[in-house]
């Protein structure tokens, strides 16, 4: 499940994710926000993950499409999680992601917001 985070600095789109991600999560929640941000010029993306039970095939496809459709608009992506494996995978493959990528622990959420907005 993905829900949009409110009260973030201008230009930052943020989401809280937990459980299993579905195609509907991306289509109904993430895509409209990213399309709006890309239309304004750039995407500064904050993702807070508390727990993760995988992604449906449709969710994986939507995730790939999100990155490609707005490839040049991505500026910064902040991943906030205490899931060590997720932070490790992000550090290994972050170079493949458009824009800058950085991970933060859950306790560092405020620092992540400041970084992604900067």
C-alpha atoms as a PDB file:
ATOM      1  CA  UNK A   1       0.000   0.000   0.000  1.00  0.00           C
ATOM      2  CA  UNK A   2       1.224   3.482  -0.858  1.00  0.00           C
ATOM      3  CA  UNK A   3      -0.123   6.724   0.558  1.00  0.00           C
ATOM      4  CA  UNK A   4       0.904  10.268  -0.291  1.00  0.00           C
ATOM      5  CA  UNK A   5       2.719  12.303   2.351  1.00  0.00           C
ATOM      6  CA  UNK A   6       1.478  15.817   3.023  1.00  0.00           C
ATOM      7  CA  UNK A   7       3.190  18.952   4.378  1.00  0.00           C
ATOM      8  CA  UNK A   8       6.420  18.558   2.404  1.00  0.00           C
ATOM      9  CA  UNK A   9       8.464  21.447   0.990  1.00  0.00           C
ATOM     10  CA  UNK A  10       7.408  22.827  -2.389  1.00  0.00           C
ATOM     11  CA  UNK A  11       8.658  20.646  -5.198  1.00  0.00           C
ATOM     12  CA  UNK A  12       8.936  17.454  -3.113  1.00  0.00           C
ATOM     13  CA  UNK A  13       6.595  14.533  -3.734  1.00  0.00           C
ATOM     14  CA  UNK A  14       6.549  11.963  -0.965  1.00  0.00           C
ATOM     15  CA  UNK A  15       4.984   8.616  -0.219  1.00  0.00           C
ATOM     16  CA  UNK A  16       4.737   6.157   2.657  1.00  0.00           C
ATOM     17  CA  UNK A  17       4.874   2.523   1.533  1.00  0.00           C
ATOM     18  CA  UNK A  18       4.222  -0.657   3.461  1.00  0.00           C
ATOM     19  CA  UNK A  19       3.115  -4.190   2.748  1.00  0.00           C
ATOM     20  CA  UNK A  20       2.719  -5.349  -0.837  1.00  0.00           C
ATOM     21  CA  UNK A  21       2.765  -2.834  -3.689  1.00  0.00           C
ATOM     22  CA  UNK A  22       0.143  -3.158  -6.422  1.00  0.00           C
ATOM     23  CA  UNK A  23      -0.268  -1.668  -9.887  1.00  0.00           C
ATOM     24  CA  UNK A  24      -3.254   0.287  -8.552  1.00  0.00           C
ATOM     25  CA  UNK A  25      -0.997   1.914  -5.927  1.00  0.00           C
ATOM     26  CA  UNK A  26       1.194   3.307  -8.681  1.00  0.00           C
ATOM     27  CA  UNK A  27      -1.583   4.180 -11.123  1.00  0.00           C
ATOM     28  CA  UNK A  28      -3.891   5.860  -8.602  1.00  0.00           C
ATOM     29  CA  UNK A  29      -1.440   7.434  -6.149  1.00  0.00           C
ATOM     30  CA  UNK A  30       2.100   7.744  -7.504  1.00  0.00           C
ATOM     31  CA  UNK A  31       1.605   8.481 -11.213  1.00  0.00           C
ATOM     32  CA  UNK A  32      -0.640  11.557 -10.842  1.00  0.00           C
ATOM     33  CA  UNK A  33       1.767  13.149  -8.355  1.00  0.00           C
ATOM     34  CA  UNK A  34       4.848  12.404 -10.471  1.00  0.00           C
ATOM     35  CA  UNK A  35       3.210  13.646 -13.643  1.00  0.00           C
ATOM     36  CA  UNK A  36       2.372  16.905 -11.882  1.00  0.00           C
ATOM     37  CA  UNK A  37       5.918  17.259 -10.498  1.00  0.00           C
ATOM     38  CA  UNK A  38       7.534  16.491 -13.864  1.00  0.00           C
ATOM     39  CA  UNK A  39       5.232  19.021 -15.513  1.00  0.00           C
ATOM     40  CA  UNK A  40       6.542  21.648 -13.090  1.00  0.00           C
ATOM     41  CA  UNK A  41      10.101  20.880 -14.209  1.00  0.00           C
ATOM     42  CA  UNK A  42      11.678  18.355 -11.878  1.00  0.00           C
ATOM     43  CA  UNK A  43      10.964  15.433  -9.613  1.00  0.00           C
ATOM     44  CA  UNK A  44      12.260  15.389  -6.038  1.00  0.00           C
ATOM     45  CA  UNK A  45      10.982  12.101  -4.629  1.00  0.00           C
ATOM     46  CA  UNK A  46      10.795  10.978  -0.997  1.00  0.00           C
ATOM     47  CA  UNK A  47       9.868   7.382  -0.225  1.00  0.00           C
ATOM     48  CA  UNK A  48       9.410   6.157   3.360  1.00  0.00           C
ATOM     49  CA  UNK A  49       9.282   2.348   3.606  1.00  0.00           C
ATOM     50  CA  UNK A  50       8.419   0.819   6.966  1.00  0.00           C
ATOM     51  CA  UNK A  51       7.926  -2.763   5.801  1.00  0.00           C
ATOM     52  CA  UNK A  52       7.902  -4.458   2.419  1.00  0.00           C
ATOM     53  CA  UNK A  53       6.154  -7.650   1.314  1.00  0.00           C
ATOM     54  CA  UNK A  54       6.984  -7.426  -2.383  1.00  0.00           C
ATOM     55  CA  UNK A  55       5.420  -6.087  -5.552  1.00  0.00           C
ATOM     56  CA  UNK A  56       2.909  -7.535  -7.943  1.00  0.00           C
ATOM     57  CA  UNK A  57       4.045  -7.913 -11.562  1.00  0.00           C
ATOM     58  CA  UNK A  58       1.813  -4.996 -12.495  1.00  0.00           C
ATOM     59  CA  UNK A  59       3.417  -2.825  -9.811  1.00  0.00           C
ATOM     60  CA  UNK A  60       6.885  -3.632 -11.100  1.00  0.00           C
ATOM     61  CA  UNK A  61       5.810  -2.651 -14.617  1.00  0.00           C
ATOM     62  CA  UNK A  62       4.284   0.624 -13.388  1.00  0.00           C
ATOM     63  CA  UNK A  63       7.474   1.353 -11.431  1.00  0.00           C
ATOM     64  CA  UNK A  64       9.622   0.902 -14.535  1.00  0.00           C
ATOM     65  CA  UNK A  65       7.293   3.081 -16.606  1.00  0.00           C
ATOM     66  CA  UNK A  66       7.392   5.872 -14.003  1.00  0.00           C
ATOM     67  CA  UNK A  67      11.164   6.117 -14.259  1.00  0.00           C
ATOM     68  CA  UNK A  68      11.298   6.074 -18.042  1.00  0.00           C
ATOM     69  CA  UNK A  69       8.371   8.398 -18.800  1.00  0.00           C
ATOM     70  CA  UNK A  70       9.923  11.298 -16.901  1.00  0.00           C
ATOM     71  CA  UNK A  71      13.598  10.341 -17.242  1.00  0.00           C
ATOM     72  CA  UNK A  72      15.020  13.862 -17.555  1.00  0.00           C
ATOM     73  CA  UNK A  73      12.876  15.331 -14.778  1.00  0.00           C
ATOM     74  CA  UNK A  74      14.324  13.237 -11.900  1.00  0.00           C
ATOM     75  CA  UNK A  75      16.609  15.318  -9.652  1.00  0.00           C
ATOM     76  CA  UNK A  76      16.759  13.595  -6.268  1.00  0.00           C
ATOM     77  CA  UNK A  77      15.360  10.441  -4.709  1.00  0.00           C
ATOM     78  CA  UNK A  78      15.512   9.911  -0.939  1.00  0.00           C
ATOM     79  CA  UNK A  79      14.737   6.466   0.437  1.00  0.00           C
ATOM     80  CA  UNK A  80      13.922   6.420   4.151  1.00  0.00           C
ATOM     81  CA  UNK A  81      13.916   2.941   5.672  1.00  0.00           C
ATOM     82  CA  UNK A  82      15.350   0.736   8.385  1.00  0.00           C
ATOM     83  CA  UNK A  83      15.288  -2.272   6.045  1.00  0.00           C
ATOM     84  CA  UNK A  84      19.014  -2.924   5.646  1.00  0.00           C
ATOM     85  CA  UNK A  85      18.648  -5.010   2.500  1.00  0.00           C
ATOM     86  CA  UNK A  86      16.670  -2.253   0.766  1.00  0.00           C
ATOM     87  CA  UNK A  87      19.248   0.410   1.636  1.00  0.00           C
ATOM     88  CA  UNK A  88      22.026  -1.915   0.456  1.00  0.00           C
ATOM     89  CA  UNK A  89      20.333  -2.679  -2.874  1.00  0.00           C
ATOM     90  CA  UNK A  90      19.710   1.035  -3.396  1.00  0.00           C
ATOM     91  CA  UNK A  91      23.380   1.838  -2.785  1.00  0.00           C
ATOM     92  CA  UNK A  92      24.450  -0.892  -5.224  1.00  0.00           C
ATOM     93  CA  UNK A  93      22.072   0.033  -8.036  1.00  0.00           C
ATOM     94  CA  UNK A  94      21.469   3.734  -7.401  1.00  0.00           C
ATOM     95  CA  UNK A  95      23.756   4.612 -10.298  1.00  0.00           C
ATOM     96  CA  UNK A  96      21.134   3.142 -12.646  1.00  0.00           C
ATOM     97  CA  UNK A  97      18.501   5.538 -11.345  1.00  0.00           C
ATOM     98  CA  UNK A  98      18.035   8.961 -12.929  1.00  0.00           C
ATOM     99  CA  UNK A  99      19.078  11.818 -10.629  1.00  0.00           C
ATOM    100  CA  UNK A 100      20.831  11.557  -7.271  1.00  0.00           C
ATOM    101  CA  UNK A 101      19.839   8.819  -4.836  1.00  0.00           C
ATOM    102  CA  UNK A 102      20.483   8.668  -1.107  1.00  0.00           C
ATOM    103  CA  UNK A 103      19.218   6.462   1.737  1.00  0.00           C
ATOM    104  CA  UNK A 104      18.361   7.491   5.284  1.00  0.00           C
ATOM    105  CA  UNK A 105      17.201   5.591   8.386  1.00  0.00           C
ATOM    106  CA  UNK A 106      13.630   6.140   9.581  1.00  0.00           C
ATOM    107  CA  UNK A 107      14.980   8.315  12.394  1.00  0.00           C
ATOM    108  CA  UNK A 108      16.595  10.538   9.731  1.00  0.00           C
ATOM    109  CA  UNK A 109      13.371  11.399   7.929  1.00  0.00           C
ATOM    110  CA  UNK A 110      13.713  15.146   8.545  1.00  0.00           C
ATOM    111  CA  UNK A 111      17.277  15.049   7.186  1.00  0.00           C
ATOM    112  CA  UNK A 112      15.996  13.165   4.101  1.00  0.00           C
ATOM    113  CA  UNK A 113      13.320  15.798   3.494  1.00  0.00           C
ATOM    114  CA  UNK A 114      15.895  18.575   3.724  1.00  0.00           C
ATOM    115  CA  UNK A 115      18.293  16.756   1.384  1.00  0.00           C
ATOM    116  CA  UNK A 116      15.723  15.891  -1.273  1.00  0.00           C
ATOM    117  CA  UNK A 117      14.370  19.474  -1.227  1.00  0.00           C
ATOM    118  CA  UNK A 118      17.861  21.012  -1.503  1.00  0.00           C
END
